[in-house]
Amino acid sequence: MITNIKKLIKNHKGAISIEFAGVVMAFTSIFYIVYDSYNTITLQNNLERTNYTVASLFRERSSLYPLIEDTISDTEWIMNPRRTPYTAEHFKSYEIFTIDQVKEAHELAKKLLNKDVSIRIDGLFIKQEVIKTLPIPERKMISFSSCSYSACKPEIENYLNNRSDMTDTSIANKDYTKLSPYTDRIWPRTPGLDPLRGRYIPIYRVSMCINNDESLFLKFTNRENNNNRFLPNLCSETVVISRCHDLKYYTRGCPLYYYRPQWDKHQ
């Protein structure tokens, strides 16, 4: 038996075929890896460009969207000398957004990518004291996600639902309030108070994710990238400031956001 084993080892018939099969398998594996890596990088770049495009359009709200009921600022205190309120238009803003507008951004992203995408948009609004220009610890964030009306992969839904709170200032390198610039914006004088000379511009954060199923191996084996086992999901995040153009009328369009309890102290 030992003799037969030695003969088998020394027998070179079919060695070339075996070596060729091994080389082909190795080459095929390398080709799949290179192709899938290239597809992943390309898809990530497309996602980044799409996210930036959607965020750039979303920031131009005063040119593209109608006025929305202002649910962020406490504007009830703003009265004329007879203490009668301004018109209803005063309590509307271009910078507030709704779920319907997020749906429009979602549809735009899907058309640009030519594939399904999940999206979440957050808005950060910093309120000001009535007689001071410094920001105070009173911030408001509004958020809408496409996962609330459209099916999302569990991993993607978990990622979008657990985005960091933009009002949290406890972590210095993740303090979004530092990204909000202060810009000149004169508000008319109120009896007994000096006018505010500027406002903190709201910030929008657009987060997008797609399921990375552009794998040649998955297509060859007719499989899906379920549970993120083969390739990682791809996500992108873009932060922009509001670009409000309607500054002609101070009573509408691009408001300052006030903190009403501070006003109560000065009445």
Protein backbone atom coordinates (compact mmCIF):
# COMPACT_ATOMS: atom_id res chain seq x y z
CA MET A 1 0.00 0.00 0.00
CA ILE A 2 2.85 2.34 0.78
CA THR A 3 4.30 1.59 -2.63
CA ASN A 4 1.04 2.55 -4.33
CA ILE A 5 0.91 5.85 -2.45
CA LYS A 6 4.48 6.69 -3.56
CA LYS A 7 3.55 5.94 -7.18
CA LEU A 8 0.49 8.19 -6.92
CA ILE A 9 2.57 11.06 -5.61
CA LYS A 10 5.16 10.66 -8.37
CA ASN A 11 2.53 10.41 -11.09
CA HIS A 12 2.43 13.76 -12.97
CA LYS A 13 -0.51 12.93 -15.23
CA GLY A 14 -3.22 15.61 -14.92
CA ALA A 15 -0.99 17.98 -12.90
CA ILE A 16 -1.30 20.73 -15.50
CA SER A 17 -5.11 20.51 -15.44
CA ILE A 18 -5.17 20.73 -11.67
CA GLU A 19 -2.78 23.70 -11.66
CA PHE A 20 -4.82 25.41 -14.38
CA ALA A 21 -8.03 24.94 -12.39
CA GLY A 22 -6.37 26.41 -9.30
CA VAL A 23 -5.07 29.43 -11.23
CA VAL A 24 -8.51 30.02 -12.78
CA MET A 25 -10.20 29.89 -9.37
CA ALA A 26 -7.66 32.30 -7.88
CA PHE A 27 -7.94 34.68 -10.84
CA THR A 28 -11.75 34.54 -10.70
CA SER A 29 -11.73 35.30 -6.98
CA ILE A 30 -9.42 38.28 -7.51
CA PHE A 31 -11.62 39.51 -10.37
CA TYR A 32 -14.75 39.31 -8.20
CA ILE A 33 -13.03 41.15 -5.34
CA VAL A 34 -11.69 43.92 -7.61
CA TYR A 35 -15.00 44.29 -9.44
CA ASP A 36 -17.06 44.39 -6.24
CA SER A 37 -14.64 46.87 -4.64
CA TYR A 38 -14.83 49.11 -7.70
CA ASN A 39 -18.63 48.95 -7.71
CA THR A 40 -18.78 49.77 -3.99
CA ILE A 41 -16.48 52.79 -4.36
CA THR A 42 -18.43 54.04 -7.41
CA LEU A 43 -21.75 53.58 -5.65
CA GLN A 44 -20.48 55.42 -2.56
CA ASN A 45 -19.30 58.33 -4.73
CA ASN A 46 -22.68 58.48 -6.47
CA LEU A 47 -24.41 58.45 -3.09
CA GLU A 48 -22.22 61.31 -1.84
CA ARG A 49 -22.97 63.42 -4.92
CA THR A 50 -26.68 62.69 -4.70
CA ASN A 51 -26.76 63.57 -1.01
CA TYR A 52 -24.98 66.86 -1.65
CA THR A 53 -27.34 67.69 -4.52
CA VAL A 54 -30.46 67.02 -2.46
CA ALA A 55 -29.06 68.95 0.53
CA SER A 56 -28.10 71.89 -1.71
CA LEU A 57 -31.62 72.07 -3.15
CA PHE A 58 -33.17 71.64 0.28
CA ARG A 59 -31.25 74.59 1.69
CA GLU A 60 -32.69 76.88 -1.03
CA ARG A 61 -36.07 76.63 0.63
CA SER A 62 -37.20 80.22 0.21
CA SER A 63 -36.94 79.88 -3.59
CA LEU A 64 -38.50 76.45 -3.93
CA TYR A 65 -41.05 75.92 -1.15
CA PRO A 66 -44.05 77.82 0.24
CA LEU A 67 -44.35 79.32 3.69
CA ILE A 68 -45.08 76.80 6.46
CA GLU A 69 -46.70 77.36 9.85
CA ASP A 70 -43.87 78.18 12.24
CA THR A 71 -43.88 75.56 14.99
CA ILE A 72 -40.36 76.37 16.17
CA SER A 73 -40.21 79.95 17.42
CA ASP A 74 -42.28 81.49 20.19
CA THR A 75 -43.51 84.57 18.36
CA GLU A 76 -46.63 85.25 20.43
CA TRP A 77 -44.89 87.98 22.39
CA ILE A 78 -44.17 90.13 19.30
CA MET A 79 -46.82 92.81 19.59
CA ASN A 80 -47.19 96.36 18.39
CA PRO A 81 -47.72 99.16 20.98
CA ARG A 82 -51.44 98.35 21.16
CA ARG A 83 -50.54 94.72 21.84
CA THR A 84 -52.45 93.39 18.87
CA PRO A 85 -50.75 90.61 16.93
CA TYR A 86 -49.35 90.93 13.45
CA THR A 87 -51.02 89.17 10.55
CA ALA A 88 -51.02 85.39 10.32
CA GLU A 89 -48.23 85.56 7.72
CA HIS A 90 -45.93 86.63 10.51
CA PHE A 91 -46.17 83.17 12.04
CA LYS A 92 -45.00 81.37 8.89
CA SER A 93 -41.51 80.54 7.70
CA TYR A 94 -39.74 79.16 4.66
CA GLU A 95 -37.31 77.29 6.86
CA ILE A 96 -39.78 74.89 8.47
CA PHE A 97 -40.24 71.68 6.47
CA THR A 98 -42.84 68.93 6.38
CA ILE A 99 -42.93 65.20 5.72
CA ASP A 100 -44.32 65.89 2.24
CA GLN A 101 -41.25 67.91 1.35
CA VAL A 102 -39.03 65.12 2.62
CA LYS A 103 -40.94 62.75 0.34
CA GLU A 104 -40.11 65.02 -2.60
CA ALA A 105 -36.43 64.96 -1.66
CA HIS A 106 -36.65 61.17 -1.34
CA GLU A 107 -38.11 60.80 -4.83
CA LEU A 108 -35.42 63.08 -6.26
CA ALA A 109 -32.67 61.00 -4.64
CA LYS A 110 -34.13 57.76 -6.07
CA LYS A 111 -34.23 59.24 -9.58
CA LEU A 112 -30.67 60.54 -9.36
CA LEU A 113 -29.33 57.20 -8.10
CA ASN A 114 -31.69 55.10 -10.21
CA LYS A 115 -32.20 52.80 -7.23
CA ASP A 116 -34.02 52.70 -3.94
CA VAL A 117 -32.63 54.90 -1.18
CA SER A 118 -33.58 55.70 2.41
CA ILE A 119 -33.36 59.27 3.65
CA ARG A 120 -33.69 61.27 6.85
CA ILE A 121 -33.64 65.06 7.15
CA ASP A 122 -33.07 66.89 10.44
CA GLY A 123 -33.33 70.60 11.14
CA LEU A 124 -31.64 72.42 14.03
CA PHE A 125 -33.02 75.77 15.19
CA ILE A 126 -31.25 77.88 17.82
CA LYS A 127 -33.45 80.23 19.80
CA GLN A 128 -32.26 83.61 21.08
CA GLU A 129 -33.06 85.70 24.09
CA VAL A 130 -35.08 88.78 23.28
CA ILE A 131 -32.52 91.33 24.42
CA LYS A 132 -29.34 89.34 23.84
CA THR A 133 -27.57 88.05 20.77
CA LEU A 134 -25.90 85.12 22.50
CA PRO A 135 -27.38 81.66 22.01
CA ILE A 136 -29.00 79.99 24.98
CA PRO A 137 -29.49 76.33 25.91
CA GLU A 138 -32.84 76.29 24.12
CA ARG A 139 -32.65 74.42 20.84
CA LYS A 140 -35.19 72.62 18.73
CA MET A 141 -34.74 69.80 16.23
CA ILE A 142 -37.32 68.50 13.82
CA SER A 143 -36.81 65.23 11.93
CA PHE A 144 -38.51 63.19 9.24
CA SER A 145 -37.40 59.84 7.81
CA SER A 146 -38.50 57.92 4.74
CA CYS A 147 -38.61 54.79 6.92
CA SER A 148 -41.82 56.19 8.46
CA TYR A 149 -43.73 55.70 5.19
CA SER A 150 -41.50 53.41 3.10
CA ALA A 151 -39.97 50.02 3.88
CA CYS A 152 -36.32 50.13 4.96
CA LYS A 153 -33.80 47.39 5.56
CA PRO A 154 -33.58 46.76 9.34
CA GLU A 155 -29.90 47.81 9.50
CA ILE A 156 -30.55 50.99 7.54
CA GLU A 157 -33.62 51.85 9.58
CA ASN A 158 -31.63 51.36 12.77
CA TYR A 159 -28.86 53.63 11.46
CA LEU A 160 -31.24 56.42 10.46
CA ASN A 161 -33.30 56.20 13.64
CA ASN A 162 -30.18 56.47 15.78
CA ARG A 163 -28.61 59.54 14.25
CA SER A 164 -27.09 61.79 16.89
CA ASP A 165 -29.24 64.47 18.51
CA MET A 166 -28.29 67.80 16.94
CA THR A 167 -29.29 69.65 20.11
CA ASP A 168 -26.77 67.74 22.21
CA THR A 169 -23.76 69.88 23.12
CA SER A 170 -22.16 67.47 25.60
CA ILE A 171 -19.65 66.12 23.05
CA ALA A 172 -17.44 68.96 21.83
CA ASN A 173 -16.48 67.47 18.46
CA LYS A 174 -20.13 66.66 17.72
CA ASP A 175 -21.67 69.98 18.76
CA TYR A 176 -23.79 70.98 15.76
CA THR A 177 -24.69 74.32 17.37
CA LYS A 178 -21.14 75.50 16.61
CA LEU A 179 -21.88 75.12 12.91
CA SER A 180 -24.72 77.63 13.01
CA PRO A 181 -23.36 81.03 11.88
CA TYR A 182 -24.59 84.34 13.22
CA THR A 183 -25.63 86.76 10.50
CA ASP A 184 -26.84 90.37 10.44
CA ARG A 185 -30.60 90.66 10.46
CA ILE A 186 -32.12 93.80 12.01
CA TRP A 187 -35.45 93.41 13.76
CA PRO A 188 -37.49 96.59 14.38
CA ARG A 189 -37.37 98.22 17.77
CA THR A 190 -39.84 96.95 20.34
CA PRO A 191 -40.98 99.39 23.07
CA GLY A 192 -38.51 99.18 25.93
CA LEU A 193 -36.08 96.89 24.11
CA ASP A 194 -33.25 97.35 21.66
CA PRO A 195 -33.60 95.54 18.34
CA LEU A 196 -31.79 92.28 17.78
CA ARG A 197 -29.04 92.73 15.21
CA GLY A 198 -28.84 89.24 13.83
CA ARG A 199 -29.97 85.65 13.91
CA TYR A 200 -28.52 82.17 14.10
CA ILE A 201 -29.12 80.40 10.80
CA PRO A 202 -30.84 76.99 10.99
CA ILE A 203 -28.90 73.88 10.00
CA TYR A 204 -30.14 70.95 7.91
CA ARG A 205 -28.62 67.47 8.09
CA VAL A 206 -29.42 65.08 5.25
CA SER A 207 -28.62 61.39 5.82
CA MET A 208 -28.96 58.76 3.08
CA CYS A 209 -28.41 55.01 2.93
CA ILE A 210 -28.64 52.36 0.23
CA ASN A 211 -28.38 48.59 0.30
CA ASN A 212 -25.13 47.59 -1.41
CA ASP A 213 -26.35 44.83 -3.71
CA GLU A 214 -24.14 45.62 -6.74
CA SER A 215 -21.98 42.56 -6.18
CA LEU A 216 -21.01 40.47 -9.20
CA PHE A 217 -20.71 37.42 -6.95
CA LEU A 218 -24.23 37.92 -5.59
CA LYS A 219 -25.60 38.32 -9.11
CA PHE A 220 -23.71 35.24 -10.32
CA THR A 221 -25.10 33.15 -7.46
CA ASN A 222 -28.55 34.80 -7.70
CA ARG A 223 -28.45 35.87 -4.05
CA GLU A 224 -29.35 39.03 -2.15
CA ASN A 225 -27.21 40.91 0.34
CA ASN A 226 -29.53 40.13 3.24
CA ASN A 227 -28.69 41.23 6.77
CA ASN A 228 -25.59 43.05 5.51
CA ARG A 229 -23.62 39.80 5.52
CA PHE A 230 -21.63 40.07 2.30
CA LEU A 231 -21.18 43.79 1.64
CA PRO A 232 -21.71 46.73 4.01
CA ASN A 233 -24.62 49.12 3.53
CA LEU A 234 -23.54 52.50 2.17
CA CYS A 235 -24.49 55.70 3.97
CA SER A 236 -23.74 59.39 3.54
CA GLU A 237 -24.35 62.52 5.58
CA THR A 238 -24.30 66.17 4.51
CA VAL A 239 -24.78 69.21 6.76
CA VAL A 240 -25.77 72.58 5.23
CA ILE A 241 -27.07 75.91 6.52
CA SER A 242 -30.35 77.45 5.43
CA ARG A 243 -30.04 79.97 2.61
CA CYS A 244 -33.07 82.19 3.08
CA HIS A 245 -33.59 84.90 0.46
CA ASP A 246 -36.78 86.56 1.66
CA LEU A 247 -35.32 89.35 3.80
CA LYS A 248 -37.42 92.20 2.44
CA TYR A 249 -40.17 91.84 5.04
CA TYR A 250 -39.16 91.25 8.63
CA THR A 251 -42.57 89.86 9.56
CA ARG A 252 -42.27 86.74 7.41
CA GLY A 253 -39.93 84.50 5.50
CA CYS A 254 -36.66 84.31 7.44
CA PRO A 255 -37.49 84.84 11.10
CA LEU A 256 -35.41 85.06 14.22
CA TYR A 257 -36.21 82.28 16.65
CA TYR A 258 -37.05 83.49 20.15
CA TYR A 259 -37.08 82.05 23.62
CA ARG A 260 -40.30 83.33 25.17
CA PRO A 261 -39.64 82.58 28.87
CA GLN A 262 -36.83 85.15 28.79
CA TRP A 263 -39.29 87.74 27.52
CA ASP A 264 -41.62 87.07 30.46
CA LYS A 265 -38.89 88.29 32.81
CA HIS A 266 -38.84 91.71 31.19
CA GLN A 267 -42.55 92.45 31.09
